[in-house]
Amino acid sequence: MKILRRLLITIVLPLLLPVMGHAAPATVKFMSSDADLPAAFVEKFNKENPDKITIVRTEPDYTKMIAEAASGNASDLINIGEGSDLAYYVPRGLFKDITSYLQKSKVLKMSDIDLLGNVNYQFDGKDFGKGPWYGLTKDYNNIGAITYNKEMFKAAGIPFLSETVPITYDEMYALAKKLTKKDGSGKVTTWGYDIGTGWWKFLASDMAYMSGLNVFKDADKSIMNDDPKMSKIWKYFAQMFVDGVVPNVKNPAPSWAGANFQSDRVAIVQLGYWFGAQLRSNPGFEKKYGWAPTPVLVKGGPRVTNTLGATGVVMYAKTRVPDQAFKVFEWYIGGDYGRERATTGWGIPALKSLEPLLPEANAYDKSRKMIALDDAKYFKPWQTSGWTTAPAWDPIWTKNAEALVKGEITMDKFVDNWYSGLNKLFADGKAELGR
């Protein structure tokens, strides 16, 4: 028997040694768009880590992600559109607390994290900026900052905006009206203003803070605040649709706000720092476009802006490869990819040490960088509800805004429908968790 055992060891062990010495690399599935996780960077990472980690990109699909998480098979790293949606996902047990990893990391030092820019990725179950860390932004943006077409301002006899003193929201509205142009049939040829789809809810939150108001009536953020002062803020944005200074159902735009601005169909946008990188594809961008800080409600009054929650990366709670996933996370946020992205100026980096890499070779880049970092001093997490995700708000607004523009409902009815639609959404979210 001993002879047989020795014989088996002699035969089998040499066959096992190559396998034991060259274990297959761990696969880290990363849910992200190709734009946020370019194939060239993935290929470079995989070549540099042939025996350790292989990144496999998966297409963004949050509905699918939730289903896969329920079956224990979600992607290990997840690009989350708005970090503020942690308030929805964390109570459902979807994301991993990575605080201990960050505390040990030599790449992502806790003292180097831009706390205001990343505030939505730290969440204690109630408030942002407290408790465990679940991720970091890939970069962030001062969404309220203004970009405007200088040529359109010149043609309308409007002075260029200050880069240091914010205009008021009422002043911006007046400019939007003045800069909106129509042809003889009443069809809009140039809109005075536009923002990203659904961004009005983020800006309304800023305005609420500046007014000392809460978007919600109750402590658990399940009922909208119907105070007339809060309703007036929502009406500000709804009136833009009625007046047609932004694209609406009667005068739809050919594309999204940024593309419309680039094609000279819009005079003013609030899209923030990152939009400056996209405008580089336009000839003469350095002289054609101007920058201004996020507006205020009252001259000299409080300043507030936010980051939309900021797009970033989180880790799946039940990942089977947490150590390897965090290595990829480090590379993405503060390694080769993070440093490269900072140099392109597509967003303010998550780490303070990467800010010097932001481009400032000309007045255009110096201006938008200066405004972005100044606006960043006034960041506050937008007033969201953990009973739903940020995108879920938008269809309720769109449906009722179209009815308002068509004259099918009054402004007061619009606000009532807006509140009741959201209150139902929040109630459904509470019911999902048995609350």
Protein backbone atom coordinates (compact mmCIF):
# COMPACT_ATOMS: atom_id res chain seq x y z
CA MET A 1 0.00 0.00 0.00
CA LYS A 2 2.85 2.38 0.91
CA ILE A 3 4.56 1.55 -2.38
CA LEU A 4 1.34 2.35 -4.30
CA ARG A 5 0.91 5.67 -2.44
CA ARG A 6 4.51 6.69 -3.23
CA LEU A 7 3.97 5.76 -6.86
CA LEU A 8 0.84 7.90 -7.12
CA ILE A 9 2.62 10.87 -5.52
CA THR A 10 5.54 10.42 -7.92
CA ILE A 11 3.22 10.43 -10.92
CA VAL A 12 0.57 13.03 -9.90
CA LEU A 13 2.66 15.70 -8.12
CA PRO A 14 4.72 16.73 -11.19
CA LEU A 15 1.44 17.15 -13.08
CA LEU A 16 -0.03 19.40 -10.39
CA LEU A 17 2.98 21.64 -9.83
CA PRO A 18 2.65 23.68 -13.05
CA VAL A 19 -1.01 24.29 -12.27
CA MET A 20 -0.28 25.25 -8.66
CA GLY A 21 2.53 27.55 -9.73
CA HIS A 22 0.48 29.34 -12.39
CA ALA A 23 -2.99 29.84 -10.99
CA ALA A 24 -5.52 31.37 -13.36
CA PRO A 25 -5.87 35.16 -12.90
CA ALA A 26 -8.86 36.38 -10.92
CA THR A 27 -11.56 37.88 -13.10
CA VAL A 28 -12.98 41.20 -11.96
CA LYS A 29 -16.22 42.09 -13.71
CA PHE A 30 -16.63 45.85 -14.01
CA MET A 31 -20.03 47.27 -14.98
CA SER A 32 -19.31 50.45 -16.91
CA SER A 33 -19.79 52.12 -20.26
CA ASP A 34 -16.90 51.95 -22.68
CA ALA A 35 -16.57 55.74 -22.42
CA ASP A 36 -15.89 55.48 -18.68
CA LEU A 37 -13.77 52.35 -18.99
CA PRO A 38 -12.03 52.53 -22.38
CA ALA A 39 -11.02 49.24 -23.97
CA ALA A 40 -7.44 50.46 -24.47
CA PHE A 41 -6.99 50.97 -20.72
CA VAL A 42 -8.54 47.60 -19.92
CA GLU A 43 -6.23 45.91 -22.40
CA LYS A 44 -3.18 47.68 -20.95
CA PHE A 45 -4.16 46.70 -17.39
CA ASN A 46 -4.70 43.07 -18.37
CA LYS A 47 -1.34 42.89 -20.14
CA GLU A 48 0.42 44.30 -17.08
CA ASN A 49 -1.30 41.82 -14.75
CA PRO A 50 -1.33 38.56 -16.75
CA ASP A 51 -1.01 36.20 -13.78
CA LYS A 52 -3.11 38.11 -11.23
CA ILE A 53 -6.18 40.02 -12.41
CA THR A 54 -8.21 40.21 -15.59
CA ILE A 55 -10.80 42.98 -16.01
CA VAL A 56 -13.94 42.10 -17.96
CA ARG A 57 -16.21 45.04 -18.74
CA THR A 58 -19.99 44.49 -18.54
CA GLU A 59 -22.61 46.82 -20.00
CA PRO A 60 -24.40 49.20 -17.60
CA ASP A 61 -27.87 47.92 -16.72
CA TYR A 62 -29.09 48.74 -13.21
CA THR A 63 -32.23 46.64 -13.45
CA LYS A 64 -30.14 43.65 -14.47
CA MET A 65 -27.60 44.50 -11.75
CA ILE A 66 -30.28 44.32 -9.05
CA ALA A 67 -31.51 40.97 -10.38
CA GLU A 68 -27.97 39.59 -10.53
CA ALA A 69 -27.27 40.85 -7.01
CA ALA A 70 -30.33 38.99 -5.76
CA SER A 71 -28.92 35.78 -7.24
CA GLY A 72 -25.42 36.49 -5.90
CA ASN A 73 -23.83 37.11 -9.29
CA ALA A 74 -23.55 40.87 -9.88
CA SER A 75 -20.46 42.54 -11.34
CA ASP A 76 -17.69 43.01 -8.78
CA LEU A 77 -17.30 46.73 -9.46
CA ILE A 78 -20.20 48.92 -10.52
CA ASN A 79 -20.17 52.33 -12.13
CA ILE A 80 -23.03 54.12 -10.39
CA GLY A 81 -24.55 57.08 -12.22
CA GLU A 82 -25.33 59.13 -9.11
CA GLY A 83 -23.49 58.42 -5.87
CA SER A 84 -26.50 59.76 -4.01
CA ASP A 85 -28.36 56.59 -5.06
CA LEU A 86 -26.38 54.86 -2.30
CA ALA A 87 -29.27 55.94 -0.10
CA TYR A 88 -31.45 53.56 -2.12
CA TYR A 89 -29.03 50.67 -2.69
CA VAL A 90 -27.21 50.42 0.66
CA PRO A 91 -30.33 49.54 2.73
CA ARG A 92 -30.97 46.79 0.20
CA GLY A 93 -27.55 45.28 0.95
CA LEU A 94 -26.14 45.68 -2.55
CA PHE A 95 -22.84 47.47 -1.94
CA LYS A 96 -19.78 46.60 0.14
CA ASP A 97 -18.34 48.78 2.89
CA ILE A 98 -14.77 49.43 1.69
CA THR A 99 -13.68 51.64 4.60
CA SER A 100 -11.06 49.16 5.84
CA TYR A 101 -9.59 48.89 2.34
CA LEU A 102 -9.32 52.67 2.03
CA GLN A 103 -7.69 52.93 5.45
CA LYS A 104 -4.94 50.53 4.35
CA SER A 105 -4.52 51.78 0.78
CA LYS A 106 -1.24 53.42 -0.23
CA VAL A 107 -2.77 54.64 -3.50
CA LEU A 108 -6.01 56.13 -2.16
CA LYS A 109 -4.96 57.75 1.09
CA MET A 110 -7.84 58.85 3.30
CA SER A 111 -6.18 62.24 3.84
CA ASP A 112 -6.07 62.74 0.06
CA ILE A 113 -9.78 62.16 -0.61
CA ASP A 114 -11.69 65.30 -1.59
CA LEU A 115 -14.37 65.00 1.08
CA LEU A 116 -16.87 67.46 -0.41
CA GLY A 117 -16.58 66.05 -3.91
CA ASN A 118 -17.01 62.49 -2.63
CA VAL A 119 -19.57 63.18 0.11
CA ASN A 120 -22.27 60.97 -1.44
CA TYR A 121 -20.06 57.87 -1.22
CA GLN A 122 -19.93 57.97 2.58
CA PHE A 123 -23.29 57.04 4.06
CA ASP A 124 -24.41 55.98 7.53
CA GLY A 125 -27.90 54.91 6.51
CA LYS A 126 -29.33 58.36 7.08
CA ASP A 127 -26.88 61.11 6.17
CA PHE A 128 -24.17 61.54 3.53
CA GLY A 129 -20.66 62.40 4.67
CA LYS A 130 -20.94 60.16 7.73
CA GLY A 131 -20.29 56.48 8.44
CA PRO A 132 -18.88 53.81 6.09
CA TRP A 133 -17.35 54.45 2.67
CA TYR A 134 -18.86 52.50 -0.22
CA GLY A 135 -16.90 53.95 -3.12
CA LEU A 136 -15.42 57.10 -4.63
CA THR A 137 -16.22 59.34 -7.59
CA LYS A 138 -14.31 58.69 -10.78
CA ASP A 139 -14.36 62.51 -10.85
CA TYR A 140 -16.99 65.11 -10.09
CA ASN A 141 -18.49 68.30 -11.44
CA ASN A 142 -19.95 71.61 -10.27
CA ILE A 143 -23.22 71.16 -12.13
CA GLY A 144 -24.56 74.68 -11.60
CA ALA A 145 -21.68 76.46 -13.34
CA ILE A 146 -22.66 78.39 -16.47
CA THR A 147 -21.20 78.03 -19.94
CA TYR A 148 -22.37 80.63 -22.46
CA ASN A 149 -21.88 81.54 -26.11
CA LYS A 150 -19.97 84.84 -26.21
CA GLU A 151 -20.89 85.45 -29.84
CA MET A 152 -24.61 85.30 -28.99
CA PHE A 153 -24.07 87.66 -26.05
CA LYS A 154 -22.26 90.13 -28.32
CA ALA A 155 -25.00 90.00 -30.94
CA ALA A 156 -27.63 90.69 -28.26
CA GLY A 157 -25.61 93.53 -26.72
CA ILE A 158 -25.21 91.65 -23.42
CA PRO A 159 -21.98 92.11 -21.41
CA PHE A 160 -19.96 88.98 -20.65
CA LEU A 161 -20.58 87.42 -17.24
CA SER A 162 -18.24 87.77 -14.28
CA GLU A 163 -16.02 84.78 -13.54
CA THR A 164 -16.01 85.56 -9.82
CA VAL A 165 -19.35 87.19 -8.92
CA PRO A 166 -22.39 84.92 -9.47
CA ILE A 167 -25.47 86.29 -11.20
CA THR A 168 -28.87 85.52 -9.67
CA TYR A 169 -31.27 82.89 -10.97
CA ASP A 170 -33.73 85.68 -11.84
CA GLU A 171 -31.02 87.38 -13.89
CA MET A 172 -30.29 84.13 -15.67
CA TYR A 173 -34.00 83.71 -16.48
CA ALA A 174 -34.09 87.23 -17.94
CA LEU A 175 -31.05 86.46 -20.08
CA ALA A 176 -32.64 83.23 -21.26
CA LYS A 177 -35.75 85.13 -22.40
CA LYS A 178 -33.71 87.78 -24.19
CA LEU A 179 -31.53 85.23 -25.97
CA THR A 180 -34.40 82.99 -27.15
CA LYS A 181 -35.06 83.57 -30.86
CA LYS A 182 -38.06 82.54 -32.97
CA ASP A 183 -38.86 82.65 -36.68
CA GLY A 184 -41.95 84.21 -38.20
CA SER A 185 -44.06 81.13 -37.52
CA GLY A 186 -43.18 81.10 -33.83
CA LYS A 187 -40.79 78.17 -34.11
CA VAL A 188 -37.75 78.49 -31.85
CA THR A 189 -34.49 78.82 -33.73
CA THR A 190 -32.30 79.43 -30.67
CA TRP A 191 -33.15 78.65 -27.07
CA GLY A 192 -31.84 80.97 -24.41
CA TYR A 193 -31.13 78.21 -21.91
CA ASP A 194 -30.96 74.46 -21.42
CA ILE A 195 -29.78 71.89 -18.87
CA GLY A 196 -29.28 68.13 -18.79
CA THR A 197 -32.38 65.96 -18.58
CA GLY A 198 -33.66 65.94 -15.02
CA TRP A 199 -31.02 68.35 -13.73
CA TRP A 200 -33.67 70.85 -12.54
CA LYS A 201 -34.27 68.67 -9.45
CA PHE A 202 -30.63 69.04 -8.43
CA LEU A 203 -30.66 72.81 -8.99
CA ALA A 204 -33.98 73.09 -7.13
CA SER A 205 -32.26 71.46 -4.17
CA ASP A 206 -29.54 74.12 -4.28
CA MET A 207 -32.18 76.84 -4.34
CA ALA A 208 -33.96 75.22 -1.40
CA TYR A 209 -30.75 75.25 0.66
CA MET A 210 -30.18 78.91 -0.20
CA SER A 211 -33.75 79.64 0.96
CA GLY A 212 -33.39 77.68 4.18
CA LEU A 213 -35.95 75.15 2.96
CA ASN A 214 -36.21 71.37 2.93
CA VAL A 215 -37.46 69.58 -0.18
CA PHE A 216 -39.26 67.13 2.13
CA LYS A 217 -41.91 67.64 4.79
CA ASP A 218 -40.97 64.68 7.00
CA ALA A 219 -37.77 63.37 8.56
CA ASP A 220 -37.67 60.13 6.56
CA LYS A 221 -38.00 62.00 3.25
CA SER A 222 -41.15 60.24 2.08
CA ILE A 223 -43.43 63.27 1.64
CA MET A 224 -42.67 66.34 -0.48
CA ASN A 225 -42.75 69.74 1.18
CA ASP A 226 -45.80 71.60 -0.17
CA ASP A 227 -44.83 74.88 1.48
CA PRO A 228 -45.64 77.71 -1.02
CA LYS A 229 -42.01 78.87 -0.88
CA MET A 230 -40.80 75.42 -1.96
CA SER A 231 -43.52 75.22 -4.62
CA LYS A 232 -42.27 78.54 -6.03
CA ILE A 233 -38.87 76.96 -6.69
CA TRP A 234 -40.38 74.10 -8.69
CA LYS A 235 -42.53 76.63 -10.58
CA TYR A 236 -39.38 78.56 -11.56
CA PHE A 237 -38.18 75.62 -13.64
CA ALA A 238 -41.64 74.64 -14.89
CA GLN A 239 -42.22 78.19 -16.15
CA MET A 240 -39.14 77.86 -18.37
CA PHE A 241 -40.93 75.10 -20.26
CA VAL A 242 -44.12 77.18 -20.53
CA ASP A 243 -42.23 80.23 -21.79
CA GLY A 244 -40.31 78.10 -24.27
CA VAL A 245 -36.90 79.41 -23.26
CA VAL A 246 -35.91 75.74 -23.00
CA PRO A 247 -36.88 72.97 -25.44
CA ASN A 248 -40.40 71.69 -24.79
CA VAL A 249 -43.04 69.43 -26.32
CA LYS A 250 -44.14 72.20 -28.72
CA ASN A 251 -40.58 73.09 -29.75
CA PRO A 252 -38.52 69.94 -29.18
CA ALA A 253 -34.75 70.06 -29.48
CA PRO A 254 -32.84 67.96 -32.03
CA SER A 255 -30.57 66.51 -29.34
CA TRP A 256 -29.53 66.84 -25.68
CA ALA A 257 -28.54 70.14 -24.07
CA GLY A 258 -24.79 69.86 -24.68
CA ALA A 259 -25.11 68.97 -28.36
CA ASN A 260 -27.67 71.74 -28.88
CA PHE A 261 -25.27 74.24 -27.34
CA GLN A 262 -22.39 73.01 -29.49
CA SER A 263 -24.48 73.44 -32.64
CA ASP A 264 -25.35 77.06 -31.72
CA ARG A 265 -28.98 76.24 -30.91
CA VAL A 266 -28.66 77.23 -27.23
CA ALA A 267 -27.05 80.32 -25.68
CA ILE A 268 -26.61 79.31 -22.01
CA VAL A 269 -26.22 75.93 -20.32
CA GLN A 270 -25.63 74.84 -16.75
CA LEU A 271 -23.51 71.74 -17.26
CA GLY A 272 -20.43 72.53 -15.21
CA TYR A 273 -16.71 71.88 -15.51
CA TRP A 274 -16.73 68.60 -17.43
CA PHE A 275 -18.57 70.14 -20.40
CA GLY A 276 -15.49 72.21 -21.16
CA ALA A 277 -13.63 69.11 -22.29
CA GLN A 278 -16.39 68.22 -24.74
CA LEU A 279 -16.38 71.74 -26.21
CA ARG A 280 -12.75 71.29 -27.26
CA SER A 281 -14.02 69.61 -30.44
CA ASN A 282 -15.53 72.94 -31.56
CA PRO A 283 -13.29 75.25 -33.64
CA GLY A 284 -12.29 78.40 -31.76
CA PHE A 285 -13.63 77.10 -28.46
CA GLU A 286 -11.09 79.14 -26.45
CA LYS A 287 -12.63 82.46 -27.53
CA LYS A 288 -16.20 81.45 -28.34
CA TYR A 289 -17.29 80.22 -24.91
CA GLY A 290 -17.33 81.88 -21.51
CA TRP A 291 -17.67 80.58 -17.96
CA ALA A 292 -19.45 81.83 -14.87
CA PRO A 293 -20.04 80.42 -11.36
CA THR A 294 -23.26 78.79 -10.18
CA PRO A 295 -26.00 81.42 -9.75
CA VAL A 296 -27.39 82.52 -6.39
CA LEU A 297 -30.90 83.55 -5.35
CA VAL A 298 -29.92 86.96 -3.98
CA LYS A 299 -26.88 89.09 -4.80
CA GLY A 300 -24.32 88.48 -2.09
CA GLY A 301 -26.49 85.72 -0.63
CA PRO A 302 -25.58 82.12 0.23
CA ARG A 303 -23.91 80.03 -2.45
CA VAL A 304 -24.74 76.35 -2.94
CA THR A 305 -24.13 73.84 -5.69
CA ASN A 306 -23.88 70.06 -5.92
CA THR A 307 -22.37 67.26 -7.96
CA LEU A 308 -25.51 65.31 -9.05
CA GLY A 309 -24.21 62.84 -6.49
CA ALA A 310 -21.31 62.34 -8.92
CA THR A 311 -20.66 59.28 -11.04
CA GLY A 312 -18.30 56.87 -9.32
CA VAL A 313 -17.47 53.27 -8.52
CA VAL A 314 -18.75 50.95 -5.80
CA MET A 315 -18.10 47.29 -4.97
CA TYR A 316 -20.73 44.56 -4.99
CA ALA A 317 -21.45 43.40 -1.43
CA LYS A 318 -21.02 39.71 -2.21
CA THR A 319 -18.07 39.86 -4.57
CA ARG A 320 -15.95 36.72 -4.41
CA VAL A 321 -12.79 38.64 -5.26
CA PRO A 322 -12.81 41.72 -2.98
CA ASP A 323 -9.01 42.07 -2.76
CA GLN A 324 -8.55 41.93 -6.52
CA ALA A 325 -11.56 44.17 -7.12
CA PHE A 326 -10.06 46.80 -4.81
CA LYS A 327 -6.78 46.65 -6.75
CA VAL A 328 -8.73 47.51 -9.88
CA PHE A 329 -10.58 50.22 -7.93
CA GLU A 330 -7.25 51.77 -6.88
CA TRP A 331 -5.98 51.72 -10.47
CA TYR A 332 -9.20 53.28 -11.75
CA ILE A 333 -9.45 56.10 -9.21
CA GLY A 334 -5.85 56.94 -8.42
CA GLY A 335 -3.66 54.81 -10.70
CA ASP A 336 -2.85 55.11 -14.40
CA TYR A 337 -6.44 55.57 -15.48
CA GLY A 338 -7.27 58.11 -12.76
CA ARG A 339 -4.18 60.21 -13.55
CA GLU A 340 -4.79 60.08 -17.29
CA ARG A 341 -8.41 61.15 -16.90
CA ALA A 342 -7.40 64.12 -14.72
CA THR A 343 -5.11 65.43 -17.48
CA THR A 344 -8.02 65.47 -19.95
CA GLY A 345 -10.11 67.85 -17.83
CA TRP A 346 -13.32 65.82 -18.03
CA GLY A 347 -13.95 66.20 -14.31
CA ILE A 348 -12.45 67.19 -10.97
CA PRO A 349 -10.57 64.14 -9.63
CA ALA A 350 -11.55 62.31 -6.46
CA LEU A 351 -8.09 62.86 -4.99
CA LYS A 352 -6.76 66.29 -4.09
CA SER A 353 -3.27 65.29 -5.19
CA LEU A 354 -4.50 64.89 -8.79
CA GLU A 355 -5.98 68.40 -9.06
CA PRO A 356 -2.66 69.88 -10.35
CA LEU A 357 -3.00 67.61 -13.39
CA LEU A 358 -6.15 69.41 -14.58
CA PRO A 359 -5.35 71.32 -17.80
CA GLU A 360 -4.80 75.06 -17.64
CA ALA A 361 -2.66 75.81 -20.70
CA ASN A 362 -4.97 78.61 -21.86
CA ALA A 363 -7.39 81.17 -20.43
CA TYR A 364 -10.36 78.94 -21.25
CA ASP A 365 -9.11 76.05 -19.09
CA LYS A 366 -7.79 78.33 -16.37
CA SER A 367 -11.20 79.99 -16.11
CA ARG A 368 -13.27 76.82 -15.85
CA LYS A 369 -10.82 75.23 -13.40
CA MET A 370 -10.79 78.32 -11.17
CA ILE A 371 -14.59 78.49 -11.16
CA ALA A 372 -14.97 74.76 -10.53
CA LEU A 373 -12.64 74.69 -7.53
CA ASP A 374 -14.25 77.84 -6.13
CA ASP A 375 -17.78 76.43 -6.60
CA ALA A 376 -16.59 73.23 -4.90
CA LYS A 377 -16.26 75.14 -1.62
CA TYR A 378 -20.06 75.39 -1.56
CA PHE A 379 -21.01 71.79 -2.31
CA LYS A 380 -23.93 70.24 -0.45
CA PRO A 381 -25.44 66.81 -1.17
CA TRP A 382 -28.65 67.34 -3.11
CA GLN A 383 -31.82 66.70 -1.12
CA THR A 384 -32.79 63.26 -2.35
CA SER A 385 -34.90 60.43 -0.95
CA GLY A 386 -33.54 56.95 -0.34
CA TRP A 387 -36.92 55.45 -1.17
CA THR A 388 -36.15 55.70 -4.87
CA THR A 389 -33.31 56.45 -7.32
CA ALA A 390 -32.62 59.82 -8.91
CA PRO A 391 -33.68 58.83 -12.46
CA ALA A 392 -37.08 57.65 -11.16
CA TRP A 393 -38.09 61.28 -10.49
CA ASP A 394 -37.84 62.32 -14.14
CA PRO A 395 -40.83 60.63 -15.88
CA ILE A 396 -43.23 62.26 -13.40
CA TRP A 397 -41.88 65.71 -14.21
CA THR A 398 -41.78 65.13 -17.98
CA LYS A 399 -45.36 63.82 -18.19
CA ASN A 400 -46.79 66.77 -16.27
CA ALA A 401 -44.54 69.39 -17.89
CA GLU A 402 -45.84 68.32 -21.30
CA ALA A 403 -49.43 68.63 -20.08
CA LEU A 404 -48.63 72.05 -18.63
CA VAL A 405 -47.08 73.33 -21.87
CA LYS A 406 -50.08 72.06 -23.86
CA GLY A 407 -52.41 73.96 -21.54
CA GLU A 408 -54.08 70.79 -20.26
CA ILE A 409 -53.31 71.60 -16.61
CA THR A 410 -52.58 74.74 -14.60
CA MET A 411 -49.29 75.53 -12.88
CA ASP A 412 -50.80 74.73 -9.47
CA LYS A 413 -52.11 71.41 -10.79
CA PHE A 414 -48.67 70.69 -12.21
CA VAL A 415 -47.11 71.11 -8.77
CA ASP A 416 -49.86 69.03 -7.13
CA ASN A 417 -49.29 66.20 -9.63
CA TRP A 418 -45.52 66.47 -9.13
CA TYR A 419 -45.86 66.08 -5.37
CA SER A 420 -48.46 63.30 -5.46
CA GLY A 421 -46.47 61.34 -8.06
CA LEU A 422 -43.29 61.49 -5.98
CA ASN A 423 -45.11 60.74 -2.72
CA LYS A 424 -46.49 57.56 -4.29
CA LEU A 425 -43.02 56.66 -5.57
CA PHE A 426 -41.57 57.06 -2.08
CA ALA A 427 -44.42 55.06 -0.51
CA ASP A 428 -43.78 52.20 -2.94
CA GLY A 429 -40.09 52.26 -2.01
CA LYS A 430 -40.92 52.05 1.68
CA ALA A 431 -43.26 49.14 1.04
CA GLU A 432 -40.47 47.24 -0.75
CA LEU A 433 -38.47 47.27 2.46
CA GLY A 434 -41.48 46.58 4.65
CA ARG A 435 -41.33 49.97 6.31
